[in-house]
């Protein structure tokens, strides 16, 4: 079947559906109720009560939930402490003193020279064992991080290295998924969403082989989360 025939058949089917719904919209026009729904997103009616707590409690819940799924979590007083924490973590686990950071100035612009680490910024490759990236935010109800793709936050840094060190500000940890999506819409605006989102809840894992949990199956084997207590500064 030719492409033109496929398009014609599709248009005919969609046309009959529109007619049955009483809609007279053109081929590429969305119905008004769809446009209204997209322009003013509504929150879900049912939101878990678990994370509807004070912000300090949300940060504590986020940390506990992340630990429960095999992530490790530490706090730093400020962003300038991140390089020393990364160096400490790598030495403690006998990991290579070589890291690939996101080009994001909030990460690549940290005082890495104060450590003995070999640091480069950019897209991760097979040779990169450790990555350090920023996060858009964290969700307390599940201990999850939201990571976005972009020129300053290459997607490969979240997936290829065996050890992923993710930085999140305490002020950007929220209670529920609905809250972080609302913030994303506010900051990025309609039509400017990143191409890819990644929700990270602990290290990569699978139980497909003999029902035994294996870490690092489809991504990093280790997830180390650094919470910057920016609200306490």
Protein backbone atom coordinates (compact mmCIF):
# COMPACT_ATOMS: atom_id res chain seq x y z
CA UNK A 1 0.00 0.00 0.00
CA UNK A 2 1.37 3.42 -0.96
CA UNK A 3 1.92 6.15 1.63
CA UNK A 4 -0.81 8.27 0.05
CA UNK A 5 -3.27 5.39 0.33
CA UNK A 6 -2.35 4.85 3.98
CA UNK A 7 -2.89 8.55 4.72
CA UNK A 8 -6.19 8.52 2.86
CA UNK A 9 -7.42 5.47 4.80
CA UNK A 10 -6.33 6.98 8.11
CA UNK A 11 -8.08 10.27 7.34
CA UNK A 12 -11.24 8.42 6.43
CA UNK A 13 -11.24 6.47 9.70
CA UNK A 14 -10.52 9.57 11.79
CA UNK A 15 -13.15 11.47 9.88
CA UNK A 16 -15.80 8.87 10.75
CA UNK A 17 -14.75 9.03 14.40
CA UNK A 18 -15.05 12.82 14.43
CA UNK A 19 -18.45 12.61 12.77
CA UNK A 20 -19.70 10.11 15.35
CA UNK A 21 -18.53 12.45 18.12
CA UNK A 22 -20.17 15.44 16.52
CA UNK A 23 -16.89 17.25 15.91
CA UNK A 24 -16.21 19.34 12.86
CA UNK A 25 -12.51 19.92 13.50
CA UNK A 26 -10.15 19.97 10.57
CA UNK A 27 -7.57 17.30 9.88
CA UNK A 28 -4.93 18.75 12.23
CA UNK A 29 -7.10 20.76 14.63
CA UNK A 30 -7.45 19.53 18.19
CA UNK A 31 -10.92 19.83 19.77
CA UNK A 32 -11.37 22.84 22.06
CA UNK A 33 -11.72 20.71 25.19
CA UNK A 34 -8.32 19.09 24.48
CA UNK A 35 -6.67 22.48 23.99
CA UNK A 36 -8.29 23.80 27.17
CA UNK A 37 -7.06 20.78 29.12
CA UNK A 38 -3.49 21.26 27.84
CA UNK A 39 -3.43 24.99 28.52
CA UNK A 40 -4.63 24.62 32.12
CA UNK A 41 -3.44 21.23 33.42
CA UNK A 42 -5.40 19.85 36.35
CA UNK A 43 -3.87 17.91 39.21
CA UNK A 44 -5.00 14.39 39.92
CA UNK A 45 -7.93 14.15 42.30
CA UNK A 46 -6.21 11.46 44.36
CA UNK A 47 -2.73 12.23 45.72
CA UNK A 48 -0.98 9.97 48.25
CA UNK A 49 -1.13 11.40 51.76
CA UNK A 50 2.30 9.94 52.57
CA UNK A 51 4.20 12.93 51.16
CA UNK A 52 1.77 15.69 52.16
CA UNK A 53 3.98 16.72 55.05
CA UNK A 54 6.33 19.58 55.92
CA UNK A 55 9.28 20.18 53.62
CA UNK A 56 11.83 19.01 56.18
CA UNK A 57 9.87 15.78 56.51
CA UNK A 58 9.71 15.45 52.71
CA UNK A 59 13.50 15.67 52.47
CA UNK A 60 13.84 13.03 55.20
CA UNK A 61 11.28 10.80 53.46
CA UNK A 62 13.05 11.19 50.12
CA UNK A 63 16.32 10.11 51.73
CA UNK A 64 14.79 7.09 53.44
CA UNK A 65 12.94 5.94 50.33
CA UNK A 66 16.11 6.26 48.24
CA UNK A 67 18.12 4.25 50.77
CA UNK A 68 15.41 1.58 50.81
CA UNK A 69 16.02 0.97 47.08
CA UNK A 70 19.82 0.63 47.47
CA UNK A 71 20.90 4.21 46.77
CA UNK A 72 23.35 5.91 49.13
CA UNK A 73 22.63 9.44 50.31
CA UNK A 74 24.72 12.20 51.90
CA UNK A 75 24.14 15.88 52.64
CA UNK A 76 26.49 18.78 51.96
CA UNK A 77 26.21 22.27 53.37
CA UNK A 78 26.83 23.86 49.97
CA UNK A 79 27.63 23.10 46.34
CA UNK A 80 31.32 23.87 46.86
CA UNK A 81 31.53 20.74 49.04
CA UNK A 82 30.43 18.40 46.24
CA UNK A 83 33.90 17.69 44.74
CA UNK A 84 35.29 16.65 48.14
CA UNK A 85 32.28 14.40 48.73
CA UNK A 86 32.73 12.79 45.31
CA UNK A 87 36.42 12.18 46.02
CA UNK A 88 35.57 10.69 49.43
CA UNK A 89 32.93 8.37 48.00
CA UNK A 90 35.18 7.11 45.21
CA UNK A 91 38.08 6.47 47.59
CA UNK A 92 35.82 4.70 50.09
CA UNK A 93 34.58 2.31 47.41
CA UNK A 94 37.96 1.88 45.71
CA UNK A 95 36.62 3.36 42.46
CA UNK A 96 38.60 5.17 39.74
CA UNK A 97 39.56 8.77 40.57
CA UNK A 98 38.29 9.82 37.15
CA UNK A 99 34.86 11.32 36.57
CA UNK A 100 32.80 12.64 33.69
CA UNK A 101 30.51 15.51 34.65
CA UNK A 102 27.63 17.13 32.85
CA UNK A 103 28.63 20.35 31.02
CA UNK A 104 26.13 22.16 33.25
CA UNK A 105 28.13 24.95 34.92
CA UNK A 106 26.47 24.09 38.23
CA UNK A 107 28.46 20.83 38.12
CA UNK A 108 31.41 21.40 35.77
CA UNK A 109 32.06 24.79 37.36
CA UNK A 110 32.58 23.41 40.87
CA UNK A 111 36.07 23.58 42.49
CA UNK A 112 37.24 20.19 41.19
CA UNK A 113 40.85 21.41 41.17
CA UNK A 114 40.81 21.21 44.96
CA UNK A 115 40.70 17.41 44.64
CA UNK A 116 43.05 14.90 43.00
CA UNK A 117 40.29 13.73 40.67
CA UNK A 118 40.68 13.72 36.90
CA UNK A 119 37.60 15.54 35.68
CA UNK A 120 36.20 16.09 32.20
CA UNK A 121 32.79 17.30 31.07
CA UNK A 122 30.64 16.10 28.22
CA UNK A 123 28.88 13.07 26.80
CA UNK A 124 29.68 9.77 28.52
CA UNK A 125 31.37 6.97 26.60
CA UNK A 126 32.15 3.30 27.29
CA UNK A 127 35.39 4.28 29.04
CA UNK A 128 33.62 6.45 31.63
CA UNK A 129 33.04 4.55 34.89
CA UNK A 130 31.77 7.44 37.04
CA UNK A 131 29.44 10.32 36.19
CA UNK A 132 28.35 13.35 38.19
CA UNK A 133 25.18 15.14 37.14
CA UNK A 134 22.61 17.58 38.43
CA UNK A 135 18.95 16.65 38.88
CA UNK A 136 15.85 18.66 38.11
CA UNK A 137 14.40 17.61 41.44
CA UNK A 138 13.44 14.77 43.75
CA UNK A 139 10.11 13.23 44.74
CA UNK A 140 9.71 12.22 48.37
CA UNK A 141 6.87 9.71 47.95
CA UNK A 142 9.17 7.25 46.13
CA UNK A 143 12.70 8.61 46.60
CA UNK A 144 12.94 9.26 42.86
CA UNK A 145 15.00 11.76 40.88
CA UNK A 146 13.81 13.51 37.74
CA UNK A 147 16.59 13.88 35.15
CA UNK A 148 16.20 15.78 31.88
CA UNK A 149 18.14 15.45 28.66
CA UNK A 150 19.70 18.46 26.96
CA UNK A 151 22.92 20.02 25.74
CA UNK A 152 24.00 20.68 29.32
CA UNK A 153 22.69 17.36 30.67
CA UNK A 154 23.58 14.56 28.21
CA UNK A 155 21.39 11.49 28.63
CA UNK A 156 24.34 9.09 28.40
CA UNK A 157 25.70 10.32 31.74
CA UNK A 158 22.65 8.82 33.43
CA UNK A 159 22.92 5.40 31.80
CA UNK A 160 26.43 4.37 30.70
CA UNK A 161 28.73 4.79 33.73
CA UNK A 162 28.66 2.02 36.33
CA UNK A 163 28.52 4.61 39.11
CA UNK A 164 26.17 7.59 38.92
CA UNK A 165 26.51 10.44 41.41
CA UNK A 166 23.46 12.69 41.24
CA UNK A 167 23.21 16.09 42.89
CA UNK A 168 19.86 17.49 44.03
CA UNK A 169 19.10 20.63 46.00
CA UNK A 170 17.03 20.17 49.13
CA UNK A 171 14.85 23.09 47.98
CA UNK A 172 14.00 21.12 44.82
CA UNK A 173 12.73 18.03 46.63
CA UNK A 174 8.93 17.95 46.62
CA UNK A 175 6.35 15.61 48.04
CA UNK A 176 4.60 14.18 44.98
CA UNK A 177 4.98 13.63 41.25
CA UNK A 178 2.22 16.15 40.58
CA UNK A 179 4.27 18.90 42.22
CA UNK A 180 7.39 18.33 40.16
CA UNK A 181 5.42 18.16 36.90
CA UNK A 182 3.76 21.46 37.82
CA UNK A 183 7.16 23.04 38.44
CA UNK A 184 8.44 21.70 35.13
CA UNK A 185 5.51 23.24 33.24
CA UNK A 186 6.04 26.56 35.01
CA UNK A 187 9.79 26.75 34.35
CA UNK A 188 9.94 25.32 30.84
CA UNK A 189 6.59 26.40 29.49
CA UNK A 190 4.49 24.87 26.75
CA UNK A 191 6.45 23.82 23.69
CA UNK A 192 9.83 23.85 25.44
CA UNK A 193 9.87 20.48 27.17
CA UNK A 194 13.12 18.48 27.05
CA UNK A 195 13.18 15.63 24.54
CA UNK A 196 13.70 12.98 27.23
CA UNK A 197 12.89 12.58 30.91
CA UNK A 198 14.34 9.88 33.11
CA UNK A 199 12.90 8.85 36.44
CA UNK A 200 15.58 7.24 38.61
CA UNK A 201 14.62 5.27 41.70
CA UNK A 202 17.75 3.61 43.02
CA UNK A 203 20.36 1.79 40.90
CA UNK A 204 19.35 -0.14 37.80
CA UNK A 205 18.01 -3.58 38.67
CA UNK A 206 16.23 -6.65 37.33
CA UNK A 207 14.81 -9.83 38.81
CA UNK A 208 14.33 -11.61 35.48
CA UNK A 209 17.09 -14.17 36.09
CA UNK A 210 15.88 -16.83 38.54
CA UNK A 211 13.88 -14.18 40.44
CA UNK A 212 17.14 -12.86 41.92
CA UNK A 213 17.70 -9.10 42.03
CA UNK A 214 20.74 -8.07 40.01
CA UNK A 215 22.00 -4.49 40.14
CA UNK A 216 23.39 -2.69 37.10
CA UNK A 217 21.41 -4.67 34.53
CA UNK A 218 20.27 -1.75 32.37
CA UNK A 219 22.18 1.18 33.82
CA UNK A 220 24.37 2.22 36.76
CA UNK A 221 25.19 -0.35 39.42
CA UNK A 222 25.57 2.37 42.06
CA UNK A 223 23.53 5.51 42.66
CA UNK A 224 24.97 8.01 45.12
CA UNK A 225 22.76 11.02 45.83
CA UNK A 226 24.24 14.24 47.16
CA UNK A 227 21.62 16.51 48.73
CA UNK A 228 22.76 20.11 48.90
CA UNK A 229 21.18 21.72 51.93
CA UNK A 230 20.80 25.05 50.16
CA UNK A 231 17.92 26.17 52.37
CA UNK A 232 20.15 26.03 55.43
CA UNK A 233 22.83 28.35 53.94
